[in-house]
Amino acid sequence: MAFKILVAGVFAGVAVWSLGNALQALFALLGAVALGIHAARDLLAPVRLAADADGIVVVRGFARTERIPWSAVERIRVDERARLGGRSRLVEIDTGETLHLFGAGELGAPVDEVVAALHRLSPAR
């Protein structure tokens, strides 16, 4: 989160510095606003996923939470994909109607550990 705020500040500085070039200033300002909004989301809802014996609580959208009972969870797994020369690893929670994806950065822990912890908490697994 601190890195997002720092980079948003850099983009804002670039926007002010490049006021002579309107297009460059606009793109820098848009970058600053986008990162600022993303950092604000992290401040408002720092915990994106929580679980207990009753089910899972996920943050949807900006900061709205939704409780999902264990009975509604169809599958929990690590989704791993190769894209653009890199690998993405996400926790995937499938309820049949919705798919919730969380990266390690959002969770503050490696995705394998999170999936293992969710499997331990789930009564059906």
Protein backbone atom coordinates (compact mmCIF):
# COMPACT_ATOMS: atom_id res chain seq x y z
CA MET A 1 0.00 0.00 0.00
CA ALA A 2 2.82 2.40 0.84
CA PHE A 3 4.41 1.67 -2.54
CA LYS A 4 1.13 2.50 -4.31
CA ILE A 5 0.91 5.81 -2.47
CA LEU A 6 4.55 6.60 -3.27
CA VAL A 7 4.13 5.84 -6.97
CA ALA A 8 0.87 7.84 -7.06
CA GLY A 9 2.83 10.77 -5.63
CA VAL A 10 5.50 10.35 -8.31
CA PHE A 11 2.82 10.33 -11.02
CA ALA A 12 1.26 13.46 -9.52
CA GLY A 13 4.68 15.12 -9.51
CA VAL A 14 5.21 14.18 -13.15
CA ALA A 15 1.78 15.63 -13.97
CA VAL A 16 2.70 18.96 -12.36
CA TRP A 17 6.18 18.97 -13.92
CA SER A 18 4.81 18.32 -17.42
CA LEU A 19 2.03 20.91 -17.47
CA GLY A 20 3.48 22.23 -20.75
CA ASN A 21 2.59 18.91 -22.42
CA ALA A 22 -1.12 18.45 -21.80
CA LEU A 23 -1.30 14.83 -22.95
CA GLN A 24 1.63 13.74 -20.78
CA ALA A 25 0.20 15.60 -17.80
CA LEU A 26 -3.21 13.99 -18.35
CA PHE A 27 -1.79 10.46 -18.46
CA ALA A 28 0.35 11.07 -15.38
CA LEU A 29 -2.66 12.50 -13.53
CA LEU A 30 -4.82 9.52 -14.53
CA GLY A 31 -2.11 7.18 -13.24
CA ALA A 32 -1.92 9.07 -9.96
CA VAL A 33 -5.70 8.95 -9.50
CA ALA A 34 -5.92 5.23 -10.36
CA LEU A 35 -3.15 4.30 -7.92
CA GLY A 36 -4.64 6.60 -5.28
CA ILE A 37 -8.01 4.87 -5.58
CA HIS A 38 -6.34 1.46 -5.38
CA ALA A 39 -4.43 2.53 -2.25
CA ALA A 40 -7.65 3.91 -0.72
CA ARG A 41 -9.28 0.52 -1.26
CA ASP A 42 -6.41 -1.08 0.64
CA LEU A 43 -6.95 1.38 3.48
CA LEU A 44 -10.73 0.89 3.64
CA ALA A 45 -10.70 -2.90 3.32
CA PRO A 46 -7.24 -4.21 4.21
CA VAL A 47 -8.49 -7.75 4.85
CA ARG A 48 -9.74 -9.14 1.53
CA LEU A 49 -10.49 -12.68 2.73
CA ALA A 50 -11.37 -14.14 6.12
CA ALA A 51 -12.62 -17.56 7.15
CA ASP A 52 -14.03 -19.27 10.21
CA ALA A 53 -16.01 -22.39 11.04
CA ASP A 54 -19.20 -20.90 9.52
CA GLY A 55 -17.79 -19.88 6.15
CA ILE A 56 -15.76 -17.35 4.22
CA VAL A 57 -16.01 -13.56 4.17
CA VAL A 58 -14.79 -11.92 0.97
CA VAL A 59 -14.50 -8.27 0.01
CA ARG A 60 -16.29 -7.54 -3.25
CA GLY A 61 -15.82 -4.38 -5.21
CA PHE A 62 -14.34 -1.47 -3.34
CA ALA A 63 -15.08 -2.42 0.27
CA ARG A 64 -18.35 -4.40 0.39
CA THR A 65 -18.18 -7.70 2.26
CA GLU A 66 -20.06 -10.89 1.52
CA ARG A 67 -20.35 -13.93 3.78
CA ILE A 68 -20.30 -17.26 1.95
CA PRO A 69 -21.31 -20.31 3.99
CA TRP A 70 -19.17 -23.42 3.54
CA SER A 71 -22.16 -25.21 2.01
CA ALA A 72 -22.09 -22.75 -0.92
CA VAL A 73 -18.39 -23.27 -1.66
CA GLU A 74 -17.94 -25.78 -4.48
CA ARG A 75 -14.17 -25.61 -4.89
CA ILE A 76 -11.07 -23.95 -3.46
CA ARG A 77 -7.84 -24.24 -5.39
CA VAL A 78 -4.70 -22.48 -6.58
CA ASP A 79 -5.19 -21.10 -10.09
CA GLU A 80 -1.83 -20.93 -11.84
CA ARG A 81 -1.38 -19.48 -15.33
CA ALA A 82 1.50 -18.40 -17.52
CA ARG A 83 1.01 -15.04 -19.22
CA LEU A 84 3.36 -12.69 -21.00
CA GLY A 85 6.42 -14.55 -19.79
CA GLY A 86 5.31 -14.47 -16.15
CA ARG A 87 3.28 -16.68 -13.86
CA SER A 88 0.24 -15.67 -11.88
CA ARG A 89 -0.90 -17.69 -8.89
CA LEU A 90 -4.27 -16.92 -7.35
CA VAL A 91 -6.54 -18.40 -4.71
CA GLU A 92 -9.72 -19.37 -6.53
CA ILE A 93 -12.94 -19.80 -4.55
CA ASP A 94 -15.77 -21.11 -6.71
CA THR A 95 -19.35 -20.95 -5.42
CA GLY A 96 -20.96 -22.06 -8.66
CA GLU A 97 -22.51 -18.63 -9.18
CA THR A 98 -19.44 -16.49 -8.50
CA LEU A 99 -15.71 -16.89 -8.74
CA HIS A 100 -13.50 -15.07 -6.23
CA LEU A 101 -9.80 -14.64 -7.05
CA PHE A 102 -7.16 -13.35 -4.64
CA GLY A 103 -3.44 -12.85 -5.17
CA ALA A 104 -0.73 -13.18 -2.57
CA GLY A 105 -0.41 -9.39 -2.42
CA GLU A 106 -4.05 -9.03 -1.41
CA LEU A 107 -3.81 -11.83 1.12
CA GLY A 108 -0.47 -11.06 2.71
CA ALA A 109 0.50 -14.75 2.52
CA PRO A 110 1.50 -17.29 -0.12
CA VAL A 111 -1.50 -18.66 -1.98
CA ASP A 112 -0.59 -22.30 -1.18
CA GLU A 113 -0.72 -21.55 2.55
CA VAL A 114 -4.07 -19.77 2.23
CA VAL A 115 -5.63 -22.65 0.26
CA ALA A 116 -4.31 -25.17 2.81
CA ALA A 117 -5.74 -23.12 5.69
CA LEU A 118 -9.12 -22.83 3.95
CA HIS A 119 -9.19 -26.60 3.37
CA ARG A 120 -8.45 -27.18 7.08
CA LEU A 121 -11.34 -24.88 8.09
CA SER A 122 -13.86 -26.27 5.64
CA PRO A 123 -16.01 -28.99 7.23
CA ALA A 124 -16.56 -30.83 3.91
CA ARG A 125 -12.88 -31.20 3.00
